[in-house]
C-alpha atoms as a PDB file:
ATOM      1  CA  MET A   1      -7.352 -17.402 -35.934  1.00  0.00           C
ATOM      2  CA  ARG A   2      -4.674 -16.479 -38.479  1.00  0.00           C
ATOM      3  CA  LEU A   3      -6.005 -12.938 -38.602  1.00  0.00           C
ATOM      4  CA  LYS A   4      -5.741 -12.561 -34.831  1.00  0.00           C
ATOM      5  CA  LEU A   5      -2.231 -14.006 -34.912  1.00  0.00           C
ATOM      6  CA  GLY A   6      -1.293 -11.615 -37.706  1.00  0.00           C
ATOM      7  CA  ILE A   7      -2.694  -8.609 -35.853  1.00  0.00           C
ATOM      8  CA  THR A   8      -0.974  -9.641 -32.631  1.00  0.00           C
ATOM      9  CA  ALA A   9       2.327 -10.178 -34.431  1.00  0.00           C
ATOM     10  CA  GLY A  10       1.899  -6.879 -36.223  1.00  0.00           C
ATOM     11  CA  LEU A  11       1.225  -4.966 -33.038  1.00  0.00           C
ATOM     12  CA  ALA A  12       4.180  -6.634 -31.335  1.00  0.00           C
ATOM     13  CA  LEU A  13       6.310  -5.624 -34.277  1.00  0.00           C
ATOM     14  CA  LEU A  14       5.039  -2.057 -34.063  1.00  0.00           C
ATOM     15  CA  ILE A  15       5.888  -1.877 -30.396  1.00  0.00           C
ATOM     16  CA  ALA A  16       9.308  -3.474 -30.779  1.00  0.00           C
ATOM     17  CA  THR A  17      10.318  -1.456 -33.829  1.00  0.00           C
ATOM     18  CA  PRO A  18      12.339   1.701 -33.205  1.00  0.00           C
ATOM     19  CA  ALA A  19      10.582   4.927 -34.138  1.00  0.00           C
ATOM     20  CA  THR A  20      12.966   5.560 -37.056  1.00  0.00           C
ATOM     21  CA  ALA A  21      12.329   2.187 -38.777  1.00  0.00           C
ATOM     22  CA  GLU A  22       9.796   1.787 -41.589  1.00  0.00           C
ATOM     23  CA  VAL A  23       6.787  -0.463 -40.997  1.00  0.00           C
ATOM     24  CA  TYR A  24       4.819  -1.978 -43.870  1.00  0.00           C
ATOM     25  CA  ARG A  25       1.268  -3.343 -43.888  1.00  0.00           C
ATOM     26  CA  ASN A  26       0.255  -5.935 -46.444  1.00  0.00           C
ATOM     27  CA  VAL A  27      -3.096  -7.625 -47.108  1.00  0.00           C
ATOM     28  CA  ASP A  28      -2.879 -10.880 -49.119  1.00  0.00           C
ATOM     29  CA  ALA A  29      -5.515 -12.372 -51.474  1.00  0.00           C
ATOM     30  CA  GLN A  30      -7.229 -14.180 -48.563  1.00  0.00           C
ATOM     31  CA  GLY A  31      -7.526 -10.964 -46.544  1.00  0.00           C
ATOM     32  CA  ASN A  32      -4.772 -11.804 -44.043  1.00  0.00           C
ATOM     33  CA  VAL A  33      -3.011  -8.736 -42.717  1.00  0.00           C
ATOM     34  CA  THR A  34       0.732  -8.853 -42.043  1.00  0.00           C
ATOM     35  CA  TYR A  35       3.190  -6.252 -40.837  1.00  0.00           C
ATOM     36  CA  SER A  36       6.870  -6.223 -41.667  1.00  0.00           C
ATOM     37  CA  ASP A  37       9.958  -4.045 -41.593  1.00  0.00           C
ATOM     38  CA  GLU A  38      10.706  -5.133 -45.192  1.00  0.00           C
ATOM     39  CA  PRO A  39       8.718  -3.744 -48.124  1.00  0.00           C
ATOM     40  CA  SER A  40       6.812  -6.180 -50.339  1.00  0.00           C
ATOM     41  CA  LYS A  41       4.613  -5.946 -53.445  1.00  0.00           C
ATOM     42  CA  GLY A  42       1.376  -4.129 -52.617  1.00  0.00           C
ATOM     43  CA  ALA A  43       2.490  -3.155 -49.095  1.00  0.00           C
ATOM     44  CA  GLU A  44       1.717   0.291 -47.746  1.00  0.00           C
ATOM     45  CA  THR A  45       3.873   2.247 -45.330  1.00  0.00           C
ATOM     46  CA  VAL A  46       2.451   2.635 -41.844  1.00  0.00           C
ATOM     47  CA  LYS A  47       3.245   5.841 -40.007  1.00  0.00           C
ATOM     48  CA  VAL A  48       4.343   4.978 -36.488  1.00  0.00           C
ATOM     49  CA  LYS A  49       4.050   7.665 -33.845  1.00  0.00           C
ATOM     50  CA  PRO A  50       7.082   8.217 -31.651  1.00  0.00           C
ATOM     51  CA  VAL A  51       6.988   6.261 -28.422  1.00  0.00           C
ATOM     52  CA  THR A  52       6.546   8.364 -25.309  1.00  0.00           C
ATOM     53  CA  THR A  53       8.794   7.351 -22.462  1.00  0.00           C
ATOM     54  CA  ILE A  54       8.556   8.504 -18.887  1.00  0.00           C
ATOM     55  CA  THR A  55      11.332   8.389 -16.354  1.00  0.00           C
ATOM     56  CA  LEU A  56       9.978   8.173 -12.822  1.00  0.00           C
ATOM     57  CA  PRO A  57      11.696  10.271 -10.188  1.00  0.00           C
ATOM     58  CA  LYS A  58      13.915   8.409  -7.758  1.00  0.00           C
ATOM     59  CA  PRO A  59      13.040   8.498  -4.056  1.00  0.00           C
ATOM     60  CA  LYS A  60      14.647  11.543  -2.481  1.00  0.00           C
ATOM     61  CA  ASN A  61      15.841   9.727   0.538  1.00  0.00           C
ATOM     62  CA  VAL A  62      15.656   5.976   0.937  1.00  0.00           C
ATOM     63  CA  SER A  63      16.954   6.210   4.494  1.00  0.00           C
ATOM     64  CA  GLU A  64      13.895   8.347   5.357  1.00  0.00           C
ATOM     65  CA  THR A  65      11.617   5.457   4.336  1.00  0.00           C
ATOM     66  CA  GLU A  66      13.736   3.021   6.335  1.00  0.00           C
ATOM     67  CA  LYS A  67      13.429   5.282   9.389  1.00  0.00           C
ATOM     68  CA  LEU A  68       9.630   5.281   9.063  1.00  0.00           C
ATOM     69  CA  LEU A  69       9.556   1.474   8.840  1.00  0.00           C
ATOM     70  CA  GLU A  70      11.750   1.206  11.929  1.00  0.00           C
ATOM     71  CA  GLU A  71       9.439   3.603  13.775  1.00  0.00           C
ATOM     72  CA  VAL A  72       6.399   1.467  12.888  1.00  0.00           C
ATOM     73  CA  LYS A  73       8.181  -1.670  14.132  1.00  0.00           C
ATOM     74  CA  ARG A  74       9.226   0.090  17.344  1.00  0.00           C
ATOM     75  CA  GLU A  75       5.727   1.446  18.015  1.00  0.00           C
ATOM     76  CA  GLY A  76       4.181  -1.962  17.310  1.00  0.00           C
ATOM     77  CA  SER A  77       6.534  -3.660  19.735  1.00  0.00           C
ATOM     78  CA  ILE A  78       5.182  -1.437  22.541  1.00  0.00           C
ATOM     79  CA  TYR A  79       2.050  -3.605  22.594  1.00  0.00           C
ATOM     80  CA  GLU A  80       2.144  -7.170  23.858  1.00  0.00           C
ATOM     81  CA  GLN A  81      -1.284  -7.967  22.457  1.00  0.00           C
ATOM     82  CA  VAL A  82      -4.539  -6.572  21.105  1.00  0.00           C
ATOM     83  CA  SER A  83      -7.780  -8.546  21.099  1.00  0.00           C
ATOM     84  CA  PHE A  84     -11.559  -8.482  21.044  1.00  0.00           C
ATOM     85  CA  VAL A  85     -13.352  -8.699  24.383  1.00  0.00           C
ATOM     86  CA  TYR A  86     -16.759  -8.892  22.672  1.00  0.00           C
ATOM     87  CA  PRO A  87     -17.995 -10.647  20.624  1.00  0.00           C
ATOM     88  CA  GLU A  88     -16.111 -13.834  21.348  1.00  0.00           C
ATOM     89  CA  ASP A  89     -14.730 -16.085  18.632  1.00  0.00           C
ATOM     90  CA  GLU A  90     -17.411 -18.370  17.102  1.00  0.00           C
ATOM     91  CA  GLN A  91     -20.181 -16.572  19.030  1.00  0.00           C
ATOM     92  CA  ALA A  92     -23.690 -16.421  17.555  1.00  0.00           C
ATOM     93  CA  PHE A  93     -26.243 -13.830  18.635  1.00  0.00           C
ATOM     94  CA  HIS A  94     -29.516 -12.177  17.613  1.00  0.00           C
ATOM     95  CA  SER A  95     -29.546  -8.577  16.409  1.00  0.00           C
ATOM     96  CA  GLY A  96     -32.824  -7.352  14.980  1.00  0.00           C
ATOM     97  CA  SER A  97     -31.298  -4.124  13.674  1.00  0.00           C
ATOM     98  CA  GLY A  98     -28.040  -5.774  12.613  1.00  0.00           C
ATOM     99  CA  ASP A  99     -26.000  -3.567  14.950  1.00  0.00           C
ATOM    100  CA  VAL A 100     -22.857  -5.262  16.255  1.00  0.00           C
ATOM    101  CA  HIS A 101     -20.978  -3.749  19.177  1.00  0.00           C
ATOM    102  CA  PHE A 102     -17.251  -4.552  19.361  1.00  0.00           C
ATOM    103  CA  GLU A 103     -15.201  -4.193  22.553  1.00  0.00           C
ATOM    104  CA  MET A 104     -11.393  -4.215  22.269  1.00  0.00           C
ATOM    105  CA  HIS A 105      -8.493  -4.337  24.708  1.00  0.00           C
ATOM    106  CA  SER A 106      -4.726  -4.065  24.438  1.00  0.00           C
ATOM    107  CA  THR A 107      -1.830  -4.679  26.772  1.00  0.00           C
ATOM    108  CA  PRO A 108      -0.644  -2.079  27.626  1.00  0.00           C
ATOM    109  CA  GLU A 109      -3.471   0.434  27.111  1.00  0.00           C
ATOM    110  CA  LEU A 110      -3.438   2.568  23.963  1.00  0.00           C
ATOM    111  CA  LYS A 111      -0.802   5.272  23.755  1.00  0.00           C
ATOM    112  CA  PRO A 112      -1.851   8.842  22.844  1.00  0.00           C
ATOM    113  CA  GLY A 113      -2.510   9.181  19.119  1.00  0.00           C
ATOM    114  CA  HIS A 114      -3.146   5.454  18.626  1.00  0.00           C
ATOM    115  CA  LYS A 115      -6.543   3.901  17.883  1.00  0.00           C
ATOM    116  CA  TYR A 116      -8.169   0.520  17.578  1.00  0.00           C
ATOM    117  CA  GLU A 117      -9.304  -0.340  14.057  1.00  0.00           C
ATOM    118  CA  VAL A 118     -11.967  -2.962  13.369  1.00  0.00           C
ATOM    119  CA  THR A 119     -12.279  -4.704  10.012  1.00  0.00           C
ATOM    120  CA  LEU A 120     -15.347  -6.686   8.990  1.00  0.00           C
ATOM    121  CA  ASP A 121     -14.904  -9.258   6.240  1.00  0.00           C
ATOM    122  CA  GLY A 122     -11.619  -7.605   5.282  1.00  0.00           C
ATOM    123  CA  GLN A 123     -12.935  -4.024   5.097  1.00  0.00           C
ATOM    124  CA  PRO A 124     -12.230  -1.313   7.711  1.00  0.00           C
ATOM    125  CA  VAL A 125     -15.491  -0.376   9.450  1.00  0.00           C
ATOM    126  CA  GLY A 126     -14.445   1.788  12.378  1.00  0.00           C
ATOM    127  CA  GLN A 127     -11.716   3.280  14.543  1.00  0.00           C
ATOM    128  CA  SER A 128     -11.844   4.235  18.184  1.00  0.00           C
ATOM    129  CA  ALA A 129      -9.524   5.278  20.984  1.00  0.00           C
ATOM    130  CA  SER A 130     -12.163   4.346  23.581  1.00  0.00           C
ATOM    131  CA  GLY A 131     -12.087   0.592  22.974  1.00  0.00           C
ATOM    132  CA  SER A 132     -15.558   0.217  21.488  1.00  0.00           C
ATOM    133  CA  VAL A 133     -16.948   0.427  17.959  1.00  0.00           C
ATOM    134  CA  THR A 134     -20.543  -0.160  16.842  1.00  0.00           C
ATOM    135  CA  VAL A 135     -21.183  -1.238  13.267  1.00  0.00           C
ATOM    136  CA  ASN A 136     -24.735  -0.724  12.007  1.00  0.00           C
ATOM    137  CA  ASN A 137     -26.827  -2.938   9.746  1.00  0.00           C
ATOM    138  CA  VAL A 138     -24.549  -5.979   9.541  1.00  0.00           C
ATOM    139  CA  PHE A 139     -26.176  -8.595   7.305  1.00  0.00           C
ATOM    140  CA  ARG A 140     -27.272 -11.909   8.781  1.00  0.00           C
ATOM    141  CA  GLY A 141     -24.763 -14.699   8.504  1.00  0.00           C
ATOM    142  CA  THR A 142     -21.224 -15.480   9.528  1.00  0.00           C
ATOM    143  CA  HIS A 143     -18.582 -12.754   9.438  1.00  0.00           C
ATOM    144  CA  ASP A 144     -14.861 -12.409  10.093  1.00  0.00           C
ATOM    145  CA  ALA A 145     -13.645  -9.470  12.177  1.00  0.00           C
ATOM    146  CA  GLY A 146     -10.083  -8.231  12.513  1.00  0.00           C
ATOM    147  CA  ILE A 147      -8.509  -5.991  15.126  1.00  0.00           C
ATOM    148  CA  HIS A 148      -5.541  -3.659  14.676  1.00  0.00           C
ATOM    149  CA  ILE A 149      -3.855  -0.796  16.444  1.00  0.00           C
ATOM    150  CA  VAL A 150      -3.102   2.106  14.118  1.00  0.00           C
ATOM    151  CA  ASP A 151      -0.798   5.048  14.734  1.00  0.00           C
ATOM    152  CA  ARG A 152      -1.673   8.715  14.185  1.00  0.00           C
ATOM    153  CA  ASN A 153      -0.910   8.299  10.466  1.00  0.00           C
ATOM    154  CA  GLY A 154      -3.369   5.397  10.126  1.00  0.00           C
ATOM    155  CA  VAL A 155      -0.591   2.823   9.723  1.00  0.00           C
ATOM    156  CA  GLN A 156      -1.321  -0.579  11.302  1.00  0.00           C
ATOM    157  CA  ILE A 157       1.361  -1.200  13.924  1.00  0.00           C
ATOM    158  CA  LYS A 158      -0.123  -4.200  15.766  1.00  0.00           C
ATOM    159  CA  THR A 159      -2.598  -6.885  14.676  1.00  0.00           C
ATOM    160  CA  GLY A 160      -4.563  -9.203  16.920  1.00  0.00           C
ATOM    161  CA  ASN A 161      -6.166 -12.570  16.258  1.00  0.00           C
ATOM    162  CA  PRO A 162      -9.281 -12.358  14.072  1.00  0.00           C
ATOM    163  CA  ILE A 163     -12.619 -13.701  15.251  1.00  0.00           C
ATOM    164  CA  ARG A 164     -15.610 -15.241  13.493  1.00  0.00           C
ATOM    165  CA  PHE A 165     -19.181 -14.606  14.620  1.00  0.00           C
ATOM    166  CA  THR A 166     -22.703 -15.202  13.338  1.00  0.00           C
ATOM    167  CA  VAL A 167     -25.518 -12.646  13.326  1.00  0.00           C
ATOM    168  CA  HIS A 168     -29.118 -13.890  13.391  1.00  0.00           C
ATOM    169  CA  ARG A 169     -31.692 -11.386  12.129  1.00  0.00           C
ATOM    170  CA  PRO A 170     -35.412 -11.794  11.590  1.00  0.00           C
ATOM    171  CA  SER A 171     -36.634 -11.939   8.020  1.00  0.00           C
ATOM    172  CA  VAL A 172     -40.051 -11.575   6.384  1.00  0.00           C
ATOM    173  CA  GLN A 173     -39.909 -15.280   5.467  1.00  0.00           C
ATOM    174  CA  ASN A 174     -39.843 -16.560   9.052  1.00  0.00           C
END
């Protein structure tokens, strides 16, 4: 435990010490390693490499980002609602192949360049401008599906209420 504490303290000291300062490593009679900025009997000097620093570039134009956010809000406000037509919330159905067919609707209808996006258990599984998406080989059990409208850049501009459904599939055990 002391050794780990000594190593941790030593590393912290190495990180916190300016590149021009001397660092000394000492091992006592019990084998404990300590680091210090003060020399002691039996200590050896540790060569510390210069610390590399990186300065990230500043955004070119913050107002450009704000304009994009405003555009997303404006486009999203075009739609009163988006929802699943099929399957219904809490519906259970049999699907031997595991294929699940989703039907979506929005008010008003989709604008050019926009698409419906379906998520299954939090993961995107399909996009469509036609209002229907089929997902293949969905495992048996209960799943959560989400519905969104995305713009031509793939940004979600409107989200509908999620649904939960259960898929029954045959198994070799029954």
